[in-house]
């Protein structure tokens, strides 16, 4: 089953906001009033019954109130969750299974192999940064899997 990565991102943001609302004992009616929204629209969004925009997320976060730093942190974590969902299956299959990647493999060796496989002759800095982020996640996942196997 395929889930749109944007839904994963939105679900993450709402889960974080919902937890903060519960921890601070904030009433949905108060958030609705401060964010110029209705109580049903906020409740539906918090319960995953309604898709919403980043602007809506931001208005609710500001109504809680969260600082700009706290809001940015939630958005950045949500972006990572979306990235993980969107690319992890491909990374796991290609790197861990097809290339028989080992945690000792250097990032440079993997970059070279992956760019050659994908036909990218002159990768941009953005290509390299994205790949390094993905490889770092894959390395951590491989190490976690190894530790789990060793515990059994």
Protein backbone atom coordinates (compact mmCIF):
# COMPACT_ATOMS: atom_id res chain seq x y z
CA UNK A 1 0.00 0.00 0.00
CA UNK A 2 1.37 3.43 -0.95
CA UNK A 3 0.87 6.42 1.32
CA UNK A 4 1.58 9.91 0.05
CA UNK A 5 4.76 11.13 1.83
CA UNK A 6 3.06 14.51 2.44
CA UNK A 7 0.51 12.70 4.62
CA UNK A 8 3.35 11.18 6.64
CA UNK A 9 4.79 14.68 7.12
CA UNK A 10 1.43 16.17 8.08
CA UNK A 11 0.69 13.29 10.43
CA UNK A 12 3.99 13.84 12.18
CA UNK A 13 3.32 17.56 12.67
CA UNK A 14 -0.16 16.92 14.03
CA UNK A 15 1.06 14.20 16.37
CA UNK A 16 3.62 16.61 17.82
CA UNK A 17 1.12 19.46 18.13
CA UNK A 18 -1.54 17.20 19.63
CA UNK A 19 0.93 15.94 22.25
CA UNK A 20 1.91 19.50 23.20
CA UNK A 21 -1.76 20.52 23.45
CA UNK A 22 -2.48 17.56 25.72
CA UNK A 23 0.61 18.14 27.88
CA UNK A 24 -0.25 21.81 28.37
CA UNK A 25 -3.96 21.15 28.92
CA UNK A 26 -4.93 23.64 26.21
CA UNK A 27 -8.55 23.74 25.07
CA UNK A 28 -9.22 23.30 21.36
CA UNK A 29 -11.71 26.16 21.57
CA UNK A 30 -8.90 28.47 22.75
CA UNK A 31 -6.67 27.41 19.87
CA UNK A 32 -9.53 27.87 17.41
CA UNK A 33 -10.16 31.39 18.65
CA UNK A 34 -6.47 32.40 18.59
CA UNK A 35 -5.83 30.85 15.15
CA UNK A 36 -8.99 32.20 13.47
CA UNK A 37 -10.19 28.64 12.84
CA UNK A 38 -13.16 26.66 13.98
CA UNK A 39 -13.13 24.07 16.74
CA UNK A 40 -14.40 21.32 14.38
CA UNK A 41 -11.68 22.03 11.79
CA UNK A 42 -8.94 21.81 14.41
CA UNK A 43 -10.42 18.68 15.98
CA UNK A 44 -10.78 17.02 12.58
CA UNK A 45 -7.19 17.89 11.69
CA UNK A 46 -5.85 16.65 15.04
CA UNK A 47 -7.70 13.38 14.58
CA UNK A 48 -6.41 12.88 11.03
CA UNK A 49 -9.80 13.44 9.40
CA UNK A 50 -8.73 16.51 7.46
CA UNK A 51 -5.64 17.35 5.43
CA UNK A 52 -4.26 20.81 6.14
CA UNK A 53 -1.59 23.18 4.89
CA UNK A 54 1.61 24.33 6.54
CA UNK A 55 -0.06 27.69 7.04
CA UNK A 56 -2.79 26.01 9.11
CA UNK A 57 -0.16 24.09 11.11
CA UNK A 58 1.69 27.34 11.75
CA UNK A 59 -1.43 29.20 12.91
CA UNK A 60 -2.23 26.42 15.38
CA UNK A 61 1.39 26.25 16.59
CA UNK A 62 1.43 30.01 17.13
CA UNK A 63 -1.88 29.79 19.01
CA UNK A 64 -0.52 27.18 21.45
CA UNK A 65 1.86 29.35 21.64
CA UNK A 66 5.14 27.88 20.38
CA UNK A 67 8.25 29.91 19.65
CA UNK A 68 9.54 30.25 16.11
CA UNK A 69 12.43 27.94 17.05
CA UNK A 70 10.02 25.27 18.33
CA UNK A 71 7.88 25.55 15.19
CA UNK A 72 10.91 25.30 12.89
CA UNK A 73 12.15 22.25 14.80
CA UNK A 74 8.81 20.48 14.33
CA UNK A 75 8.77 21.32 10.61
CA UNK A 76 12.38 20.13 10.16
CA UNK A 77 11.66 16.86 11.97
CA UNK A 78 8.56 16.40 9.82
CA UNK A 79 10.64 16.96 6.68
CA UNK A 80 13.01 14.22 7.85
CA UNK A 81 10.10 11.86 8.49
CA UNK A 82 8.79 12.53 4.99
CA UNK A 83 12.25 11.97 3.51
CA UNK A 84 12.68 8.73 5.48
CA UNK A 85 9.35 7.41 4.29
CA UNK A 86 9.85 8.52 0.71
CA UNK A 87 13.37 7.17 0.22
CA UNK A 88 14.07 4.53 2.87
CA UNK A 89 12.68 1.56 0.94
CA UNK A 90 14.79 2.45 -2.09
CA UNK A 91 17.89 3.04 0.02
CA UNK A 92 17.42 -0.13 2.02
CA UNK A 93 16.94 -2.28 -1.09
CA UNK A 94 19.70 -0.75 -3.16
CA UNK A 95 22.38 -0.21 -0.55
CA UNK A 96 21.82 -2.90 2.01
CA UNK A 97 20.72 -5.71 -0.30
CA UNK A 98 21.86 -5.04 -3.88
CA UNK A 99 25.24 -3.49 -3.04
CA UNK A 100 25.81 -5.68 0.05
CA UNK A 101 26.76 -2.52 1.91
CA UNK A 102 28.67 -2.97 5.13
CA UNK A 103 28.97 -0.35 7.87
CA UNK A 104 32.74 -0.18 7.18
CA UNK A 105 32.19 1.06 3.61
CA UNK A 106 33.22 4.69 3.24
CA UNK A 107 30.72 7.32 2.19
CA UNK A 108 32.92 8.24 -0.76
CA UNK A 109 32.87 4.64 -2.04
CA UNK A 110 29.10 4.50 -1.80
CA UNK A 111 28.65 7.90 -3.40
CA UNK A 112 30.76 6.88 -6.36
CA UNK A 113 28.88 3.59 -6.77
CA UNK A 114 25.44 5.15 -6.44
CA UNK A 115 26.11 8.04 -8.79
CA UNK A 116 27.54 5.60 -11.37
CA UNK A 117 24.48 3.33 -11.02
CA UNK A 118 22.10 6.24 -11.48
CA UNK A 119 24.01 7.66 -14.44
CA UNK A 120 24.91 10.95 -12.74
CA UNK A 121 28.27 12.05 -14.11
CA UNK A 122 28.56 15.45 -12.43
CA UNK A 123 26.52 15.47 -9.19
CA UNK A 124 25.66 18.87 -7.73
CA UNK A 125 26.37 19.80 -4.11
CA UNK A 126 22.65 19.31 -3.39
CA UNK A 127 22.83 15.79 -4.89
CA UNK A 128 25.82 15.02 -2.68
CA UNK A 129 24.18 16.42 0.47
CA UNK A 130 20.99 14.47 -0.14
CA UNK A 131 22.91 11.27 -0.75
CA UNK A 132 25.10 11.77 2.33
CA UNK A 133 22.01 12.28 4.48
CA UNK A 134 20.47 9.11 3.07
CA UNK A 135 23.68 7.15 3.54
CA UNK A 136 24.00 8.31 7.13
CA UNK A 137 20.47 7.09 7.81
CA UNK A 138 21.23 3.78 6.10
CA UNK A 139 24.44 3.33 8.12
CA UNK A 140 22.58 3.95 11.38
CA UNK A 141 19.82 1.56 10.37
CA UNK A 142 22.33 -1.15 9.44
CA UNK A 143 24.12 -0.72 12.78
CA UNK A 144 20.81 -0.86 14.69
CA UNK A 145 19.79 -4.01 12.81
CA UNK A 146 23.15 -5.60 13.59
CA UNK A 147 22.78 -4.78 17.29
CA UNK A 148 19.29 -6.29 17.34
CA UNK A 149 20.53 -9.48 15.70
CA UNK A 150 23.39 -9.72 18.22
CA UNK A 151 20.98 -9.40 21.16
CA UNK A 152 18.91 -12.38 20.01
